[in-house]
Amino acid sequence: MRAATSQSIEIPASEPISVTLLEVVRAVGDVTSNDHEVVATVLHLLVSGKIKLRGNFRDSSASDLS
């Protein structure tokens, strides 16, 4: 029996998803009824670079929205 070896797996960085603020708030709101959770999740997605806003808020940073 061979010993398991550890290998590092590189996951390529993906492009942020381009959404409007309304789209992301609605999507997160569909899975929670807690407004604080919606705000925290949206801010996390923005700060982490997972999403990029388009539309009226496209040039806004997470600090502008908090």
PDB file of N, CA and C in Angstrom:
ATOM      1  N   MET A   1       0.854  -1.168   0.000  1.00  0.00           N
ATOM      2  CA  MET A   1       0.000   0.000   0.000  1.00  0.00           C
ATOM      3  C   MET A   1       0.901   1.233   0.000  1.00  0.00           C
ATOM      4  N   ARG A   2       0.574   2.206  -0.835  1.00  0.00           N
ATOM      5  CA  ARG A   2       1.386   3.418  -0.928  1.00  0.00           C
ATOM      6  C   ARG A   2       0.844   4.489  -0.001  1.00  0.00           C
ATOM      7  N   ALA A   3       1.755   5.249   0.542  1.00  0.00           N
ATOM      8  CA  ALA A   3       1.347   6.352   1.416  1.00  0.00           C
ATOM      9  C   ALA A   3       0.761   7.485   0.572  1.00  0.00           C
ATOM     10  N   ALA A   4      -0.226   8.123   1.120  1.00  0.00           N
ATOM     11  CA  ALA A   4      -0.830   9.261   0.425  1.00  0.00           C
ATOM     12  C   ALA A   4       0.137  10.429   0.426  1.00  0.00           C
ATOM     13  N   THR A   5       0.209  11.107  -0.678  1.00  0.00           N
ATOM     14  CA  THR A   5       1.071  12.286  -0.757  1.00  0.00           C
ATOM     15  C   THR A   5       0.198  13.520  -0.834  1.00  0.00           C
ATOM     16  N   SER A   6       0.680  14.576  -0.246  1.00  0.00           N
ATOM     17  CA  SER A   6      -0.103  15.813  -0.311  1.00  0.00           C
ATOM     18  C   SER A   6       0.358  16.615  -1.519  1.00  0.00           C
ATOM     19  N   GLN A   7      -0.577  17.100  -2.265  1.00  0.00           N
ATOM     20  CA  GLN A   7      -0.288  17.925  -3.425  1.00  0.00           C
ATOM     21  C   GLN A   7      -1.058  19.223  -3.275  1.00  0.00           C
ATOM     22  N   SER A   8      -0.430  20.289  -3.679  1.00  0.00           N
ATOM     23  CA  SER A   8      -1.164  21.549  -3.644  1.00  0.00           C
ATOM     24  C   SER A   8      -1.936  21.684  -4.950  1.00  0.00           C
ATOM     25  N   ILE A   9      -3.147  22.102  -4.817  1.00  0.00           N
ATOM     26  CA  ILE A   9      -4.000  22.287  -5.977  1.00  0.00           C
ATOM     27  C   ILE A   9      -4.177  23.779  -6.173  1.00  0.00           C
ATOM     28  N   GLU A  10      -3.830  24.253  -7.345  1.00  0.00           N
ATOM     29  CA  GLU A  10      -3.993  25.668  -7.631  1.00  0.00           C
ATOM     30  C   GLU A  10      -5.320  25.885  -8.331  1.00  0.00           C
ATOM     31  N   ILE A  11      -6.123  26.716  -7.731  1.00  0.00           N
ATOM     32  CA  ILE A  11      -7.414  27.055  -8.324  1.00  0.00           C
ATOM     33  C   ILE A  11      -7.253  28.419  -8.970  1.00  0.00           C
ATOM     34  N   PRO A  12      -7.474  28.496 -10.271  1.00  0.00           N
ATOM     35  CA  PRO A  12      -7.279  29.782 -10.940  1.00  0.00           C
ATOM     36  C   PRO A  12      -8.261  30.830 -10.436  1.00  0.00           C
ATOM     37  N   ALA A  13      -7.765  32.041 -10.321  1.00  0.00           N
ATOM     38  CA  ALA A  13      -8.642  33.138  -9.904  1.00  0.00           C
ATOM     39  C   ALA A  13      -9.638  33.406 -11.010  1.00  0.00           C
ATOM     40  N   SER A  14     -10.875  33.507 -10.643  1.00  0.00           N
ATOM     41  CA  SER A  14     -11.897  33.765 -11.655  1.00  0.00           C
ATOM     42  C   SER A  14     -12.249  35.248 -11.668  1.00  0.00           C
ATOM     43  N   GLU A  15     -12.809  35.648 -12.758  1.00  0.00           N
ATOM     44  CA  GLU A  15     -13.264  37.026 -12.879  1.00  0.00           C
ATOM     45  C   GLU A  15     -14.455  37.245 -11.957  1.00  0.00           C
ATOM     46  N   PRO A  16     -14.569  38.441 -11.382  1.00  0.00           N
ATOM     47  CA  PRO A  16     -15.744  38.712 -10.550  1.00  0.00           C
ATOM     48  C   PRO A  16     -17.012  38.691 -11.386  1.00  0.00           C
ATOM     49  N   ILE A  17     -18.094  38.311 -10.766  1.00  0.00           N
ATOM     50  CA  ILE A  17     -19.389  38.292 -11.428  1.00  0.00           C
ATOM     51  C   ILE A  17     -19.907  39.735 -11.469  1.00  0.00           C
ATOM     52  N   SER A  18     -20.303  40.183 -12.626  1.00  0.00           N
ATOM     53  CA  SER A  18     -20.804  41.543 -12.799  1.00  0.00           C
ATOM     54  C   SER A  18     -22.319  41.554 -12.587  1.00  0.00           C
ATOM     55  N   VAL A  19     -22.766  42.249 -11.543  1.00  0.00           N
ATOM     56  CA  VAL A  19     -24.186  42.310 -11.181  1.00  0.00           C
ATOM     57  C   VAL A  19     -24.559  43.717 -10.758  1.00  0.00           C
ATOM     58  N   THR A  20     -25.851  44.001 -10.771  1.00  0.00           N
ATOM     59  CA  THR A  20     -26.307  45.264 -10.192  1.00  0.00           C
ATOM     60  C   THR A  20     -26.478  45.047  -8.696  1.00  0.00           C
ATOM     61  N   LEU A  21     -26.482  46.136  -7.964  1.00  0.00           N
ATOM     62  CA  LEU A  21     -26.683  46.037  -6.518  1.00  0.00           C
ATOM     63  C   LEU A  21     -28.046  45.409  -6.224  1.00  0.00           C
ATOM     64  N   LEU A  22     -29.047  45.771  -6.986  1.00  0.00           N
ATOM     65  CA  LEU A  22     -30.384  45.213  -6.786  1.00  0.00           C
ATOM     66  C   LEU A  22     -30.383  43.699  -7.012  1.00  0.00           C
ATOM     67  N   GLU A  23     -29.712  43.234  -8.041  1.00  0.00           N
ATOM     68  CA  GLU A  23     -29.664  41.795  -8.324  1.00  0.00           C
ATOM     69  C   GLU A  23     -29.042  41.020  -7.167  1.00  0.00           C
ATOM     70  N   VAL A  24     -27.925  41.516  -6.649  1.00  0.00           N
ATOM     71  CA  VAL A  24     -27.255  40.772  -5.581  1.00  0.00           C
ATOM     72  C   VAL A  24     -28.041  40.848  -4.277  1.00  0.00           C
ATOM     73  N   VAL A  25     -28.645  41.994  -3.987  1.00  0.00           N
ATOM     74  CA  VAL A  25     -29.454  42.119  -2.764  1.00  0.00           C
ATOM     75  C   VAL A  25     -30.666  41.188  -2.844  1.00  0.00           C
ATOM     76  N   ARG A  26     -31.309  41.129  -3.994  1.00  0.00           N
ATOM     77  CA  ARG A  26     -32.458  40.224  -4.155  1.00  0.00           C
ATOM     78  C   ARG A  26     -32.039  38.766  -4.029  1.00  0.00           C
ATOM     79  N   ALA A  27     -30.913  38.418  -4.642  1.00  0.00           N
ATOM     80  CA  ALA A  27     -30.450  37.021  -4.597  1.00  0.00           C
ATOM     81  C   ALA A  27     -30.125  36.597  -3.173  1.00  0.00           C
ATOM     82  N   VAL A  28     -29.430  37.435  -2.442  1.00  0.00           N
ATOM     83  CA  VAL A  28     -29.095  37.107  -1.053  1.00  0.00           C
ATOM     84  C   VAL A  28     -30.353  37.136  -0.195  1.00  0.00           C
ATOM     85  N   GLY A  29     -31.229  38.105  -0.445  1.00  0.00           N
ATOM     86  CA  GLY A  29     -32.479  38.203   0.303  1.00  0.00           C
ATOM     87  C   GLY A  29     -33.393  37.005   0.112  1.00  0.00           C
ATOM     88  N   ASP A  30     -33.249  36.323  -1.027  1.00  0.00           N
ATOM     89  CA  ASP A  30     -34.060  35.124  -1.279  1.00  0.00           C
ATOM     90  C   ASP A  30     -33.695  33.967  -0.350  1.00  0.00           C
ATOM     91  N   VAL A  31     -32.489  33.980   0.190  1.00  0.00           N
ATOM     92  CA  VAL A  31     -32.064  32.867   1.046  1.00  0.00           C
ATOM     93  C   VAL A  31     -31.978  33.240   2.522  1.00  0.00           C
ATOM     94  N   THR A  32     -32.299  34.484   2.855  1.00  0.00           N
ATOM     95  CA  THR A  32     -32.337  34.894   4.260  1.00  0.00           C
ATOM     96  C   THR A  32     -33.365  35.996   4.437  1.00  0.00           C
ATOM     97  N   SER A  33     -33.948  36.053   5.612  1.00  0.00           N
ATOM     98  CA  SER A  33     -34.897  37.131   5.904  1.00  0.00           C
ATOM     99  C   SER A  33     -34.287  38.145   6.868  1.00  0.00           C
ATOM    100  N   ASN A  34     -33.018  37.981   7.160  1.00  0.00           N
ATOM    101  CA  ASN A  34     -32.320  38.855   8.090  1.00  0.00           C
ATOM    102  C   ASN A  34     -31.604  39.959   7.312  1.00  0.00           C
ATOM    103  N   ASP A  35     -32.053  41.199   7.461  1.00  0.00           N
ATOM    104  CA  ASP A  35     -31.475  42.319   6.716  1.00  0.00           C
ATOM    105  C   ASP A  35     -29.994  42.522   7.016  1.00  0.00           C
ATOM    106  N   HIS A  36     -29.597  42.294   8.261  1.00  0.00           N
ATOM    107  CA  HIS A  36     -28.186  42.453   8.625  1.00  0.00           C
ATOM    108  C   HIS A  36     -27.326  41.427   7.884  1.00  0.00           C
ATOM    109  N   GLU A  37     -27.851  40.239   7.730  1.00  0.00           N
ATOM    110  CA  GLU A  37     -27.141  39.186   7.015  1.00  0.00           C
ATOM    111  C   GLU A  37     -27.014  39.527   5.528  1.00  0.00           C
ATOM    112  N   VAL A  38     -28.052  40.120   4.970  1.00  0.00           N
ATOM    113  CA  VAL A  38     -28.008  40.532   3.561  1.00  0.00           C
ATOM    114  C   VAL A  38     -26.899  41.564   3.364  1.00  0.00           C
ATOM    115  N   VAL A  39     -26.882  42.581   4.197  1.00  0.00           N
ATOM    116  CA  VAL A  39     -25.875  43.642   4.084  1.00  0.00           C
ATOM    117  C   VAL A  39     -24.471  43.070   4.278  1.00  0.00           C
ATOM    118  N   ALA A  40     -24.282  42.261   5.297  1.00  0.00           N
ATOM    119  CA  ALA A  40     -22.964  41.691   5.573  1.00  0.00           C
ATOM    120  C   ALA A  40     -22.488  40.810   4.415  1.00  0.00           C
ATOM    121  N   THR A  41     -23.382  40.039   3.841  1.00  0.00           N
ATOM    122  CA  THR A  41     -23.011  39.146   2.740  1.00  0.00           C
ATOM    123  C   THR A  41     -22.666  39.938   1.495  1.00  0.00           C
ATOM    124  N   VAL A  42     -23.464  40.935   1.173  1.00  0.00           N
ATOM    125  CA  VAL A  42     -23.187  41.763  -0.004  1.00  0.00           C
ATOM    126  C   VAL A  42     -21.848  42.479   0.154  1.00  0.00           C
ATOM    127  N   LEU A  43     -21.598  43.037   1.320  1.00  0.00           N
ATOM    128  CA  LEU A  43     -20.323  43.714   1.554  1.00  0.00           C
ATOM    129  C   LEU A  43     -19.152  42.738   1.449  1.00  0.00           C
ATOM    130  N   HIS A  44     -19.317  41.547   1.994  1.00  0.00           N
ATOM    131  CA  HIS A  44     -18.262  40.533   1.902  1.00  0.00           C
ATOM    132  C   HIS A  44     -17.969  40.181   0.441  1.00  0.00           C
ATOM    133  N   LEU A  45     -19.014  39.994  -0.341  1.00  0.00           N
ATOM    134  CA  LEU A  45     -18.823  39.661  -1.755  1.00  0.00           C
ATOM    135  C   LEU A  45     -18.090  40.771  -2.499  1.00  0.00           C
ATOM    136  N   LEU A  46     -18.396  42.017  -2.163  1.00  0.00           N
ATOM    137  CA  LEU A  46     -17.714  43.145  -2.796  1.00  0.00           C
ATOM    138  C   LEU A  46     -16.252  43.239  -2.375  1.00  0.00           C
ATOM    139  N   VAL A  47     -16.014  43.177  -1.072  1.00  0.00           N
ATOM    140  CA  VAL A  47     -14.653  43.307  -0.545  1.00  0.00           C
ATOM    141  C   VAL A  47     -13.756  42.160  -1.018  1.00  0.00           C
ATOM    142  N   SER A  48     -14.317  40.967  -1.098  1.00  0.00           N
ATOM    143  CA  SER A  48     -13.533  39.803  -1.501  1.00  0.00           C
ATOM    144  C   SER A  48     -13.284  39.757  -3.001  1.00  0.00           C
ATOM    145  N   GLY A  49     -13.957  40.606  -3.754  1.00  0.00           N
ATOM    146  CA  GLY A  49     -13.763  40.635  -5.197  1.00  0.00           C
ATOM    147  C   GLY A  49     -14.551  39.582  -5.952  1.00  0.00           C
ATOM    148  N   LYS A  50     -15.477  38.914  -5.280  1.00  0.00           N
ATOM    149  CA  LYS A  50     -16.292  37.883  -5.933  1.00  0.00           C
ATOM    150  C   LYS A  50     -17.300  38.499  -6.906  1.00  0.00           C
ATOM    151  N   ILE A  51     -17.749  39.723  -6.591  1.00  0.00           N
ATOM    152  CA  ILE A  51     -18.679  40.410  -7.478  1.00  0.00           C
ATOM    153  C   ILE A  51     -18.139  41.793  -7.804  1.00  0.00           C
ATOM    154  N   LYS A  52     -18.597  42.316  -8.932  1.00  0.00           N
ATOM    155  CA  LYS A  52     -18.280  43.672  -9.349  1.00  0.00           C
ATOM    156  C   LYS A  52     -19.608  44.313  -9.729  1.00  0.00           C
ATOM    157  N   LEU A  53     -19.858  45.487  -9.193  1.00  0.00           N
ATOM    158  CA  LEU A  53     -21.135  46.140  -9.464  1.00  0.00           C
ATOM    159  C   LEU A  53     -21.141  46.809 -10.825  1.00  0.00           C
ATOM    160  N   ARG A  54     -22.282  46.727 -11.479  1.00  0.00           N
ATOM    161  CA  ARG A  54     -22.511  47.463 -12.718  1.00  0.00           C
ATOM    162  C   ARG A  54     -23.768  48.291 -12.524  1.00  0.00           C
ATOM    163  N   GLY A  55     -24.052  49.162 -13.420  1.00  0.00           N
ATOM    164  CA  GLY A  55     -25.224  50.011 -13.280  1.00  0.00           C
ATOM    165  C   GLY A  55     -24.918  51.256 -12.463  1.00  0.00           C
ATOM    166  N   ASN A  56     -25.906  51.742 -11.748  1.00  0.00           N
ATOM    167  CA  ASN A  56     -25.772  53.003 -11.006  1.00  0.00           C
ATOM    168  C   ASN A  56     -24.652  53.001  -9.976  1.00  0.00           C
ATOM    169  N   PHE A  57     -24.315  51.846  -9.416  1.00  0.00           N
ATOM    170  CA  PHE A  57     -23.323  51.781  -8.343  1.00  0.00           C
ATOM    171  C   PHE A  57     -21.982  51.230  -8.822  1.00  0.00           C
ATOM    172  N   ARG A  58     -21.735  51.202 -10.128  1.00  0.00           N
ATOM    173  CA  ARG A  58     -20.548  50.547 -10.679  1.00  0.00           C
ATOM    174  C   ARG A  58     -19.226  51.121 -10.170  1.00  0.00           C
ATOM    175  N   ASP A  59     -19.187  52.395  -9.837  1.00  0.00           N
ATOM    176  CA  ASP A  59     -17.946  53.002  -9.372  1.00  0.00           C
ATOM    177  C   ASP A  59     -17.882  53.119  -7.857  1.00  0.00           C
ATOM    178  N   SER A  60     -18.824  52.499  -7.158  1.00  0.00           N
ATOM    179  CA  SER A  60     -18.865  52.589  -5.700  1.00  0.00           C
ATOM    180  C   SER A  60     -17.999  51.499  -5.079  1.00  0.00           C
ATOM    181  N   SER A  61     -17.357  51.849  -3.982  1.00  0.00           N
ATOM    182  CA  SER A  61     -16.596  50.858  -3.226  1.00  0.00           C
ATOM    183  C   SER A  61     -17.475  50.331  -2.086  1.00  0.00           C
ATOM    184  N   ALA A  62     -17.010  49.274  -1.450  1.00  0.00           N
ATOM    185  CA  ALA A  62     -17.773  48.700  -0.336  1.00  0.00           C
ATOM    186  C   ALA A  62     -17.928  49.725   0.787  1.00  0.00           C
ATOM    187  N   SER A  63     -16.914  50.569   0.991  1.00  0.00           N
ATOM    188  CA  SER A  63     -17.008  51.569   2.064  1.00  0.00           C
ATOM    189  C   SER A  63     -18.060  52.629   1.751  1.00  0.00           C
ATOM    190  N   ASP A  64     -18.324  52.872   0.478  1.00  0.00           N
ATOM    191  CA  ASP A  64     -19.379  53.817   0.106  1.00  0.00           C
ATOM    192  C   ASP A  64     -20.759  53.276   0.452  1.00  0.00           C
ATOM    193  N   LEU A  65     -20.889  51.959   0.484  1.00  0.00           N
ATOM    194  CA  LEU A  65     -22.190  51.336   0.703  1.00  0.00           C
ATOM    195  C   LEU A  65     -22.458  50.957   2.144  1.00  0.00           C
ATOM    196  N   SER A  66     -21.429  50.971   2.981  1.00  0.00           N
ATOM    197  CA  SER A  66     -21.623  50.539   4.375  1.00  0.00           C
ATOM    198  C   SER A  66     -21.987  51.679   5.281  1.00  0.00           C
TER     199      SER A  66
END
